[in-house]
Every structure is written in C-alpha cells, then in structure tokens.
Protein backbone atom coordinates (compact mmCIF):
# COMPACT_ATOMS: atom_id res chain seq x y z
CA MET A 1 -11.84 -20.21 12.81
CA THR A 2 -8.40 -20.59 11.87
CA ARG A 3 -6.43 -18.18 10.13
CA ASP A 4 -5.16 -18.98 6.37
CA ARG A 5 -1.38 -18.89 6.78
CA CYS A 6 -1.32 -18.72 3.28
CA VAL A 7 -3.11 -15.03 3.47
CA ASP A 8 -0.72 -14.32 5.90
CA PHE A 9 2.74 -15.30 4.08
CA LEU A 10 1.11 -13.51 0.78
CA ARG A 11 0.42 -10.17 2.69
CA ALA A 12 4.01 -10.22 4.21
CA TRP A 13 5.56 -11.39 0.99
CA ALA A 14 3.71 -8.02 -0.38
CA ILE A 15 5.33 -5.96 1.82
CA VAL A 16 8.49 -6.92 1.59
CA SER A 17 8.77 -7.17 -1.78
CA VAL A 18 7.17 -3.24 -2.33
CA VAL A 19 10.66 -2.52 -0.02
CA ALA A 20 12.96 -4.74 -1.57
CA GLY A 21 11.91 -3.53 -5.07
CA HIS A 22 12.02 -0.02 -3.75
CA TRP A 23 15.83 -0.13 -2.48
CA LEU A 24 16.75 -1.85 -5.03
CA ILE A 25 15.93 1.03 -7.77
CA THR A 26 16.89 3.16 -5.92
CA ALA A 27 20.24 5.27 -6.85
CA LEU A 28 21.71 8.05 -5.39
CA ARG A 29 24.98 10.61 -6.91
CA HIS A 30 26.99 13.15 -5.28
CA GLY A 31 26.02 15.89 -7.31
CA SER A 32 28.75 19.05 -8.56
CA ASP A 33 26.93 21.14 -6.66
CA GLY A 34 27.31 19.10 -3.33
CA GLY A 35 23.91 18.00 -2.88
CA ILE A 36 22.77 14.52 -3.78
CA THR A 37 20.80 13.99 -7.01
CA ALA A 38 18.36 10.68 -7.49
CA PRO A 39 18.94 8.85 -11.20
CA GLU A 40 15.63 7.33 -11.98
CA LEU A 41 17.05 3.21 -13.22
CA LEU A 42 14.14 2.60 -15.09
CA ALA A 43 14.59 5.58 -17.63
CA ASP A 44 18.25 5.57 -17.66
CA VAL A 45 18.72 1.51 -18.04
CA PRO A 46 15.54 0.61 -20.32
CA TRP A 47 15.89 -3.71 -19.71
CA THR A 48 15.20 -3.23 -15.88
CA ARG A 49 11.42 -2.66 -16.78
CA TRP A 50 11.34 -6.23 -17.49
CA LEU A 51 12.28 -6.40 -13.82
CA THR A 52 9.26 -4.62 -12.50
CA PRO A 53 6.42 -7.54 -12.65
CA LEU A 54 8.58 -9.72 -10.43
CA PHE A 55 8.13 -6.52 -7.59
CA GLN A 56 4.60 -5.07 -8.58
CA ILE A 57 2.95 -7.92 -6.41
CA MET A 58 0.16 -5.19 -4.69
CA PRO A 59 -2.50 -7.06 -6.50
CA LEU A 60 -1.73 -9.91 -3.65
CA PHE A 61 -1.71 -7.60 -1.11
CA PHE A 62 -5.26 -6.40 -2.10
CA LEU A 63 -6.40 -10.20 -2.76
CA ALA A 64 -4.92 -11.16 0.67
CA GLY A 65 -6.68 -8.06 2.21
CA GLY A 66 -9.91 -8.85 0.40
CA HIS A 67 -9.90 -12.37 1.91
CA ALA A 68 -9.46 -11.52 5.24
CA ALA A 69 -11.29 -8.55 5.44
CA GLY A 70 -14.28 -11.09 4.37
CA GLY A 71 -13.85 -13.03 7.06
CA SER A 72 -13.41 -10.30 9.35
CA TRP A 73 -16.34 -8.76 8.52
CA ASP A 74 -18.86 -11.63 8.25
CA ARG A 75 -17.34 -12.46 11.99
CA ALA A 76 -18.09 -9.40 13.20
CA ARG A 77 -21.72 -8.61 11.89
CA ALA A 78 -22.25 -12.10 12.86
CA GLY A 79 -21.54 -10.73 16.33
CA GLY A 80 -23.38 -7.53 16.15
CA ALA A 81 -21.02 -5.26 15.28
CA THR A 82 -22.11 -2.25 12.70
CA ALA A 83 -20.70 -1.46 9.77
CA THR A 84 -19.15 2.17 11.45
CA GLY A 85 -17.68 0.56 14.48
CA TRP A 86 -15.53 -2.12 12.02
CA VAL A 87 -14.85 0.33 9.59
CA GLY A 88 -13.97 2.87 12.01
CA ARG A 89 -11.46 -0.01 13.94
CA ARG A 90 -9.63 -0.44 10.76
CA ALA A 91 -9.19 2.99 9.66
CA VAL A 92 -7.76 3.22 13.31
CA ARG A 93 -5.18 0.87 12.87
CA LEU A 94 -4.15 2.43 9.45
CA LEU A 95 -4.59 6.01 10.23
CA LEU A 96 -2.75 6.05 14.21
CA PRO A 97 0.50 4.23 12.69
CA THR A 98 0.13 6.84 9.54
CA ALA A 99 0.14 10.14 11.84
CA ALA A 100 2.52 8.38 14.09
CA TYR A 101 4.99 8.60 10.62
CA SER A 102 3.48 11.87 9.06
CA ALA A 103 4.30 14.03 12.06
CA PRO A 104 8.20 14.08 12.56
CA ALA A 105 8.23 13.68 8.42
CA LEU A 106 6.05 17.38 8.36
CA LEU A 107 8.58 18.42 11.44
CA ALA A 108 11.78 18.16 9.92
CA VAL A 109 9.82 19.70 6.50
CA ALA A 110 9.45 22.50 8.60
CA VAL A 111 12.35 22.81 10.52
CA SER A 112 14.52 22.58 7.34
CA ALA A 113 12.19 25.42 5.15
CA ALA A 114 12.84 27.40 8.01
CA LEU A 115 16.50 26.76 8.18
CA GLY A 116 16.55 27.70 4.13
CA VAL A 117 17.09 24.11 3.07
CA ASP A 118 17.49 24.06 -0.21
CA SER A 119 14.45 23.61 -1.85
CA ASP A 120 15.20 21.11 -4.59
CA THR A 121 16.99 18.89 -2.19
CA LEU A 122 13.69 19.57 0.46
CA ALA A 123 11.43 18.35 -2.01
CA LEU A 124 13.46 15.57 -2.94
CA VAL A 125 13.62 14.12 0.46
CA GLY A 126 10.03 14.79 1.22
CA TRP A 127 8.67 13.45 -2.11
CA ALA A 128 11.01 10.11 -0.68
CA MET A 129 9.27 9.65 2.24
CA ALA A 130 5.95 10.04 0.86
CA MET A 131 6.09 8.16 -2.58
CA GLN A 132 4.76 5.43 -0.76
CA PHE A 133 1.53 6.81 0.17
CA TRP A 134 0.02 5.94 -2.96
CA PHE A 135 -1.62 3.21 -1.03
CA LEU A 136 -3.13 4.29 1.62
CA PRO A 137 -6.01 6.12 0.51
CA VAL A 138 -7.11 3.65 -1.71
CA TYR A 139 -6.43 0.68 0.88
CA LEU A 140 -8.59 3.14 3.49
CA LEU A 141 -11.18 3.24 0.92
CA VAL A 142 -11.59 -0.12 -0.33
CA SER A 143 -11.60 -0.70 3.57
CA ALA A 144 -14.37 1.97 4.22
CA LEU A 145 -16.67 0.06 1.52
CA THR A 146 -16.02 -3.56 2.44
CA PRO A 147 -18.97 -3.82 4.26
CA VAL A 148 -21.05 -2.97 0.90
CA LEU A 149 -18.83 -4.35 -1.28
CA TYR A 150 -19.05 -7.97 0.37
CA GLY A 151 -23.01 -7.50 0.49
CA ALA A 152 -22.65 -7.36 -2.94
CA HIS A 153 -20.50 -10.32 -3.07
CA ALA A 154 -22.77 -12.28 -0.96
CA ARG A 155 -25.71 -11.68 -3.79
CA TRP A 156 -23.68 -11.80 -7.14
CA GLY A 157 -20.42 -13.56 -6.32
CA LEU A 158 -17.98 -13.12 -9.36
CA ALA A 159 -20.14 -10.92 -11.18
CA VAL A 160 -19.09 -8.16 -9.10
CA PRO A 161 -15.32 -8.37 -9.90
CA ALA A 162 -16.31 -8.99 -13.55
CA THR A 163 -18.52 -5.75 -13.36
CA LEU A 164 -15.83 -3.27 -11.86
CA GLY A 165 -13.43 -4.94 -14.66
CA ALA A 166 -15.52 -3.83 -17.31
CA LEU A 167 -16.24 -0.79 -15.55
CA ALA A 168 -12.40 0.01 -15.54
CA VAL A 169 -11.79 -1.09 -18.89
CA ALA A 170 -14.35 1.84 -20.00
CA VAL A 171 -12.58 4.02 -17.88
CA GLY A 172 -9.34 3.62 -18.86
CA THR A 173 -10.40 3.72 -22.67
CA LEU A 174 -12.32 6.48 -22.56
CA SER A 175 -9.89 8.65 -20.44
CA LEU A 176 -7.09 7.85 -23.17
CA THR A 177 -9.18 7.79 -26.26
CA ALA A 178 -11.22 10.95 -25.34
CA ASP A 179 -7.69 12.77 -23.11
CA LEU A 180 -10.20 12.81 -20.05
CA PRO A 181 -7.07 12.11 -17.53
CA ARG A 182 -9.17 12.98 -14.14
CA LEU A 183 -11.62 10.15 -15.35
CA GLY A 184 -8.96 7.99 -15.18
CA LEU A 185 -8.60 8.29 -11.52
CA LEU A 186 -11.70 6.46 -10.74
CA ASN A 187 -9.51 3.06 -12.31
CA HIS A 188 -6.94 4.02 -8.52
CA LEU A 189 -10.67 2.51 -6.82
CA LEU A 190 -11.53 0.10 -9.22
CA VAL A 191 -8.88 -1.66 -10.31
CA TRP A 192 -7.61 -2.58 -7.32
CA ALA A 193 -11.26 -3.34 -5.70
CA VAL A 194 -11.36 -6.08 -8.52
CA ALA A 195 -8.39 -7.89 -6.76
CA TYR A 196 -10.21 -7.22 -3.18
CA GLN A 197 -13.76 -8.58 -4.27
CA LEU A 198 -11.58 -11.80 -5.45
CA GLY A 199 -9.92 -11.93 -2.35
CA PHE A 200 -13.96 -12.45 -1.11
CA CYS A 201 -14.86 -15.41 -3.99
CA TRP A 202 -11.11 -17.13 -2.87
CA ARG A 203 -12.24 -17.06 0.86
CA ASP A 204 -16.04 -18.42 -0.28
CA GLY A 205 -14.82 -21.25 -2.65
CA GLY A 206 -15.77 -19.29 -5.78
CA LEU A 207 -12.51 -19.74 -7.52
CA ASP A 208 -12.06 -23.29 -6.89
CA GLY A 209 -11.64 -25.81 -9.72
CA HIS A 210 -10.36 -24.52 -13.35
CA ARG A 211 -10.97 -20.76 -12.47
CA PRO A 212 -7.91 -19.84 -11.17
CA LEU A 213 -5.69 -21.38 -14.35
CA ALA A 214 -8.33 -19.30 -16.56
CA LEU A 215 -7.22 -16.13 -14.85
CA ALA A 216 -3.67 -16.74 -15.39
CA LEU A 217 -3.85 -17.43 -18.51
CA GLY A 218 -6.46 -14.74 -19.57
CA GLY A 219 -4.79 -12.31 -17.49
CA GLY A 220 -1.27 -13.37 -18.53
CA ALA A 221 -2.40 -13.31 -22.48
CA ALA A 222 -4.43 -9.80 -22.23
CA PHE A 223 -1.49 -8.24 -20.69
CA ALA A 224 1.05 -9.44 -23.04
CA ALA A 225 -1.18 -8.43 -25.93
CA LEU A 226 -1.84 -5.01 -24.80
CA VAL A 227 2.02 -4.64 -23.66
CA ALA A 228 3.04 -6.00 -27.13
CA LEU A 229 0.24 -3.93 -29.77
CA GLY A 230 0.42 -0.56 -27.21
CA PRO A 231 0.01 1.75 -26.14
CA PHE A 232 0.44 0.43 -22.58
CA PRO A 233 3.89 0.05 -21.80
CA LEU A 234 5.59 -3.23 -20.47
CA SER A 235 6.94 -1.38 -16.86
CA LEU A 236 4.57 -1.74 -14.07
CA ILE A 237 5.89 1.16 -12.13
CA LEU A 238 5.88 4.77 -12.93
CA VAL A 239 8.46 6.06 -15.41
CA THR A 240 9.05 9.57 -16.36
CA GLY A 241 9.08 9.96 -20.48
CA GLU A 242 6.62 7.15 -20.84
CA PRO A 243 3.63 8.74 -22.39
CA VAL A 244 1.17 6.24 -21.01
CA SER A 245 1.72 4.92 -17.17
CA ASN A 246 0.70 1.46 -15.92
CA THR A 247 0.13 2.82 -12.70
CA ASP A 248 -1.13 6.43 -12.55
CA PRO A 249 -3.62 5.75 -13.02
CA PRO A 250 -4.15 1.71 -12.72
CA SER A 251 -4.78 0.92 -16.64
CA VAL A 252 -6.10 -2.07 -18.54
CA ALA A 253 -2.66 -3.58 -18.63
CA MET A 254 -2.50 -3.42 -14.72
CA LEU A 255 -5.88 -4.51 -14.63
CA ALA A 256 -4.76 -7.79 -16.88
CA TRP A 257 -1.45 -8.25 -14.77
CA VAL A 258 -4.19 -8.50 -11.36
CA LEU A 259 -6.21 -11.23 -13.23
CA ALA A 260 -2.89 -12.41 -14.24
CA GLN A 261 -1.44 -12.92 -10.73
CA CYS A 262 -4.41 -13.44 -8.80
CA GLY A 263 -4.54 -16.26 -11.04
CA LEU A 264 -1.22 -17.96 -10.39
CA CYS A 265 -1.57 -16.64 -6.61
CA LEU A 266 -4.36 -19.02 -6.60
CA LEU A 267 -2.86 -21.91 -8.27
CA ALA A 268 0.49 -21.92 -6.00
CA ALA A 269 -1.92 -21.26 -2.68
CA PRO A 270 -2.40 -25.43 -1.82
CA GLY A 271 1.40 -25.70 -2.14
CA LEU A 272 2.00 -22.62 0.01
CA ARG A 273 -0.20 -23.79 2.63
CA ARG A 274 1.30 -27.58 2.59
CA LEU A 275 4.96 -24.96 3.03
CA LEU A 276 3.24 -23.56 5.73
CA ALA A 277 1.39 -26.26 7.63
CA PRO A 278 4.26 -26.72 9.97
CA ASP A 279 4.92 -24.35 12.95
CA GLY A 280 7.91 -23.24 11.33
CA GLY A 281 5.92 -21.27 8.82
CA ARG A 282 4.27 -19.46 11.56
CA ARG A 283 7.52 -18.47 13.35
CA LEU A 284 8.53 -17.05 9.68
CA VAL A 285 5.34 -15.25 8.26
CA GLY A 286 4.21 -14.34 11.84
CA PRO A 287 7.12 -11.36 12.67
CA VAL A 288 6.77 -9.74 9.23
CA GLY A 289 2.92 -9.59 9.53
CA GLY A 290 2.50 -8.18 12.72
CA VAL A 291 5.06 -5.54 11.58
CA SER A 292 3.82 -4.54 7.61
CA MET A 293 2.55 -1.46 8.28
CA THR A 294 5.36 -0.03 9.99
CA LEU A 295 8.31 -1.56 7.51
CA TYR A 296 5.68 -0.13 4.50
CA LEU A 297 5.66 3.58 5.97
CA TRP A 298 9.07 3.89 7.34
CA HIS A 299 11.02 1.78 4.67
CA MET A 300 12.81 5.16 2.53
CA LEU A 301 14.13 6.06 6.32
CA PRO A 302 17.33 4.37 6.01
CA VAL A 303 17.62 5.29 2.42
CA LEU A 304 18.04 9.08 3.38
CA VAL A 305 19.97 8.30 6.80
CA VAL A 306 22.51 6.32 4.06
CA ALA A 307 22.28 9.45 2.00
CA ALA A 308 23.32 11.89 4.49
CA ALA A 309 25.91 9.44 6.15
CA LEU A 310 27.59 8.27 2.78
CA TYR A 311 26.33 9.85 -0.12
CA LEU A 312 26.44 13.69 1.25
CA PRO A 313 29.56 14.03 2.08
CA GLY A 314 30.57 11.95 -1.33
CA LEU A 315 32.41 8.66 0.99
CA ALA A 316 30.10 6.42 -1.15
CA PRO A 317 31.31 4.52 -4.21
CA GLU A 318 29.56 5.91 -7.37
CA PRO A 319 29.98 3.55 -9.95
CA ALA A 320 27.81 4.13 -13.31
CA VAL A 321 24.10 3.37 -12.82
CA GLY A 322 23.32 0.04 -14.13
CA SER A 323 27.16 -0.92 -14.69
CA ALA A 324 28.35 -4.77 -13.43
CA ALA A 325 29.50 -2.67 -10.39
CA TRP A 326 26.68 -0.75 -9.68
CA TRP A 327 24.53 -4.19 -9.47
CA ALA A 328 27.45 -5.52 -7.57
CA LEU A 329 27.09 -3.04 -4.70
CA ARG A 330 23.51 -3.33 -4.51
CA VAL A 331 24.22 -6.37 -2.60
CA PRO A 332 25.89 -4.29 0.39
CA TRP A 333 22.97 -1.71 -0.35
CA LEU A 334 20.15 -3.59 0.33
CA LEU A 335 21.46 -5.30 3.15
CA LEU A 336 22.37 -1.96 5.07
CA LEU A 337 19.21 -1.17 4.84
CA ALA A 338 17.52 -3.89 5.92
CA VAL A 339 19.96 -3.13 8.98
CA LEU A 340 18.92 -0.16 9.49
CA LEU A 341 14.83 -0.74 9.29
CA ALA A 342 15.45 -3.23 11.85
CA ALA A 343 16.46 -1.32 14.05
CA VAL A 344 13.65 1.83 12.92
CA THR A 345 11.00 -0.90 13.78
CA ALA A 346 12.72 -2.33 16.92
CA VAL A 347 12.00 1.75 17.66
CA VAL A 348 8.77 2.26 16.06
CA ARG A 349 7.00 -0.76 16.08
CA PRO A 350 6.22 -0.20 20.44
CA VAL A 351 5.30 3.87 19.95
CA GLU A 352 2.61 2.25 17.14
CA GLY A 353 1.29 -0.24 19.52
CA ALA A 354 1.04 1.84 22.34
CA LEU A 355 -1.05 4.37 20.44
CA VAL A 356 -3.13 2.10 19.01
CA GLY A 357 -3.36 0.46 22.45
CA ARG A 358 -4.13 3.22 24.36
CA TYR A 359 -6.75 4.52 21.87
CA GLU A 360 -8.61 1.18 22.39
CA GLN A 361 -8.38 0.93 25.92
CA ALA A 362 -9.93 4.48 26.41
CA ARG A 363 -12.65 4.14 23.63
CA PRO A 364 -13.17 0.12 23.67
CA ASP A 365 -14.77 -1.74 21.14
CA GLY A 366 -19.38 -1.78 21.29
CA ALA A 367 -18.46 1.90 22.77
CA ARG A 368 -21.04 4.40 21.26
CA CYS A 369 -19.96 5.45 17.33
CA ARG A 370 -20.61 8.66 15.83
CA PRO A 371 -20.86 7.76 12.09
CA TRP A 372 -21.40 11.45 11.36
CA LEU A 373 -17.35 12.21 12.50
CA LEU A 374 -16.09 8.82 11.22
CA TRP A 375 -17.08 9.05 7.59
CA PRO A 376 -16.02 12.84 6.95
CA GLY A 377 -13.15 11.88 8.56
CA LEU A 378 -12.38 9.09 5.85
CA ALA A 379 -13.25 11.70 3.32
CA VAL A 380 -10.51 14.39 4.50
CA SER A 381 -8.16 11.73 5.56
CA ALA A 382 -8.15 9.89 1.96
CA VAL A 383 -7.92 13.35 0.06
CA ALA A 384 -4.88 14.66 2.17
CA LEU A 385 -3.27 10.90 1.64
CA THR A 386 -4.02 11.58 -2.08
CA ARG A 387 -2.26 15.37 -2.13
CA PHE A 388 1.05 13.88 -0.03
CA ALA A 389 1.09 10.85 -2.78
CA ALA A 390 1.28 13.23 -5.69
CA HIS A 391 3.43 15.62 -4.27
CA GLY A 392 5.17 14.42 -1.41
CA PHE A 393 5.65 16.14 1.99
CA ALA A 394 7.75 19.42 0.37
CA GLU A 395 6.04 20.24 -2.36
CA ASP A 396 8.25 23.02 -4.61
CA GLY A 397 10.25 23.05 -1.17
CA ARG A 398 7.68 24.21 1.18
CA PHE A 399 5.95 22.89 4.48
CA PRO A 400 2.29 22.00 2.57
CA ALA A 401 0.18 23.27 5.43
CA LEU A 402 -3.39 22.61 3.87
CA PRO A 403 -2.43 18.53 3.43
CA ALA A 404 -1.02 18.75 6.99
CA LEU A 405 -4.10 20.43 8.39
CA GLY A 406 -6.52 18.03 6.52
CA LEU A 407 -4.69 14.94 7.55
CA ALA A 408 -4.91 15.97 11.34
CA ALA A 409 -8.26 16.67 10.99
CA GLY A 410 -9.16 13.88 9.45
CA THR A 411 -7.26 11.53 11.51
CA ALA A 412 -8.80 13.57 14.41
CA LEU A 413 -12.74 12.75 13.33
CA VAL A 414 -11.81 9.54 12.80
CA LEU A 415 -10.55 9.35 16.40
CA LEU A 416 -13.32 11.09 18.06
CA HIS A 417 -16.08 8.56 16.48
CA ARG A 418 -16.00 6.28 18.92
CA GLY A 419 -17.01 7.11 22.52
CA ARG A 420 -15.32 7.29 25.79
CA GLY A 421 -16.05 4.57 28.24
CA ALA A 422 -17.28 0.92 28.20
CA PRO A 423 -19.13 -1.28 26.05
CA PRO A 424 -23.09 -0.97 26.25
CA ALA A 425 -24.11 -3.37 28.75
CA GLY A 426 -25.10 -6.53 27.42
CA ARG A 427 -23.03 -6.34 24.37
CA PRO A 428 -19.07 -7.90 24.69
CA ALA A 429 -16.64 -6.06 23.09
CA PRO A 430 -15.45 -8.04 19.99
CA SER A 431 -12.03 -9.58 20.05
CA ALA A 432 -9.31 -8.53 18.51
CA LEU A 433 -8.41 -8.97 14.81
CA GLU A 434 -5.50 -8.95 14.03
CA GLU A 435 -4.97 -8.15 10.29
CA ALA A 436 -3.04 -5.54 8.21
CA ALA A 437 -5.07 -2.17 8.11
C-alpha cells in the first residue's frame, strides 16, 4: 500500500506551523536588572489573538496521525503483531528522542541551580524548554489506545468520534458550570481523540461525500457562536488573564475548531494530492517529515541561544512589542532561528537515529514482549511529561527531581518491555514503518 503524501504533508505542515507560531509570538526584552523578560504578545497586543486560529493546526496532526496509525495497526495486526509490540515500537520512537532532549536540558538546570543562577531566570528558561511538552503525553496515550480505538472504529465507524465529541461537550460544560476544573482535564484526551478517530474514518472512506463540508460549516458555525456568545475566548492559545482557556484544557470551542479544521482539510485533500503527485512533492515533504520530532522538541533552543547572545548583553534592537518596527524585525528573527534550528537538527538527528537504531538492533521486532513493563512505563512517562508540560524543567527555579526520576523510570520500563535477541523462529520481524511517533 503506497503512502498518502497528503497525510505526510499535513503532519509536516502542522509541525512547521507550530514551530513558526511559537517563534512568531515570542518576544524578548533586556530587563532593567540585567536579566531577560518575555512579554506576552497575545496579552499585550489583543488583536493578535485573531492570528491564533491560523497557527493552531494541531487538529491536523492528530487527524493525519490517526490516518497513518490506523493503516499501520491494520497491517501489523494482519502480519501477526500484538498490541504490546506495536504500541511499544511507537512509544520507543517517541520516548527515546524525548529522553535525548530532556537529559541535557535537565543536566543544565541542575548545574545552573548548583551555581546559583537566578531562580526566576532559571524558571523562565526551564518553562521555555518544556512548553511544547503538552503534546507528548496526549499523543503517547492516544497512540497506546490505538488498538482499542481502531477496534471501536471497525465496529461503529463515525459513531465513535460522535460519542467522544458528546462526552467532551458534557465534560467541558460540567467543568465550567459546576466549577470542576480537574474534570475538564479529561478533554485533553477526548477532544484530540476526536481528530485522531476522524483520521481512521478518513482512511476507510467514512468521510466521503458531503461530510467534509458538513464538518467545516458546522464546526465553523459552532466555533463562531461559542466565541460570540461566550464564555469562550477567540484565542486558541493560552492567554494570561483570560478567565476561560480554549487549550488548557481543550474547550468546547476548541472541539468545534477541530471539526471545522478537519472538514476544511478533507475538502482540500484532493487538490493537495494533485499538487504532491510529482516526485517534487515527495522531495518537499519527506525531509521535514523525517525530522518532525526533532524540530518539535528542539525548536525553542535557538530562541535561548539568541536570547543569551543578543538580548542578555543588550545588543538586540528592542522596539515596542507589537509596533511596526517590531513586526518588521520578525523577518530576520525567524530567519535566524530557522538557520540555528537547521544546525541543531543536523547535529541531533543522527544521535536520535543511532539511539533508536541500536535499540531495535538489540531488541528487534518480534522478540518477546513484556506487557507488565510496557503499560506501567507508559503511565509513569505520561505523568512525568504532563508535569514538565505544566511546570517546565525548573519549577520555582529548582531542579525537578521527582518528574525527572519519573521520566527516566518510565522510559526505562518501556525500553525493557522488549526482550533481547532475534525474533522467534517462524515469525519475521515486521517491516519498519516510517511514521511519526
């Protein structure tokens, strides 16, 4: 079965848009005390919140991820693979690069704290280095549930995302009206699982005909009504001071945006496939798709490098945030960060590839799996990643010992779930599936 280049393009576009969006809204200032501050563009310049729907395209990543994962699990199951083996392979491809990123970041925090670096500065840097982590525990859990979710899809089709969406509406409404914020955390899984499940439906032809248009129009109208009538804000990125957030946790308005964006994507898919049909399409999408995890994990490091090299010594020009001069300087800012990220990727990507390659050599597909190690490892890793996403790598300017230990232990359990040696006789190892973790 040939790969769908449209799916590859959507994942690549989603990652590039997230990176560009984070860079675009990041503002730095040389503080009066000699440190660095980070003004919040969306809070200080309210009209910029209208830009957030353009950059909040993670629904497309989950949609494309569901499409790819559905095909991957279907083929693996037909080849005799177990749920433990399939989930474990994908978990390793997510957690090993994450560990390769987190280990030096946490080491740097430990050394900085020991040297007496200002706690506020350390907390800000630690937050910046982990701000993208919200995605990792969600995608890790959704991927782990793929065999169950795909089984439900095979039996009930579109009724599954419809049910998940209804549950998300109920959870979101109850968490707001009854003031139960912890209940609302369920929507981190429910809302993004709707997009993931729609990916299954897309792959199997369940979203043909007029359904994409219905999703686009219905979701768009619902989003506009929920924002206009309240209490949901326009911004699809967290903004300090807003009483309700659309992202933490995902709100009913975010669910409407998920449906609208997925519908628009499906409407555009035939045209995208035609544009990507020549070999040039593969050459355009392939390189970005191959390093998408690296780009996502490491894209804030160039910001810190520029902050230390230009803003800390007061060398960078600092027009008022949101002014015409500030926006004009976004062009060289983005170009400089892109060059630095390309350099970081050139160094880091081979290391990540070597880690995954050596692991799969020592513990090949088809070797005996230990589910009693995998599933607790996934749970512990998800909790640790959630903690980092919420508080960064240096909460209150201190080394986060417990989350760091949790991530190390969880990753170790996942890595140990697969036995050493060759695959069992009579069962060939499944072919490598170059899919996003």
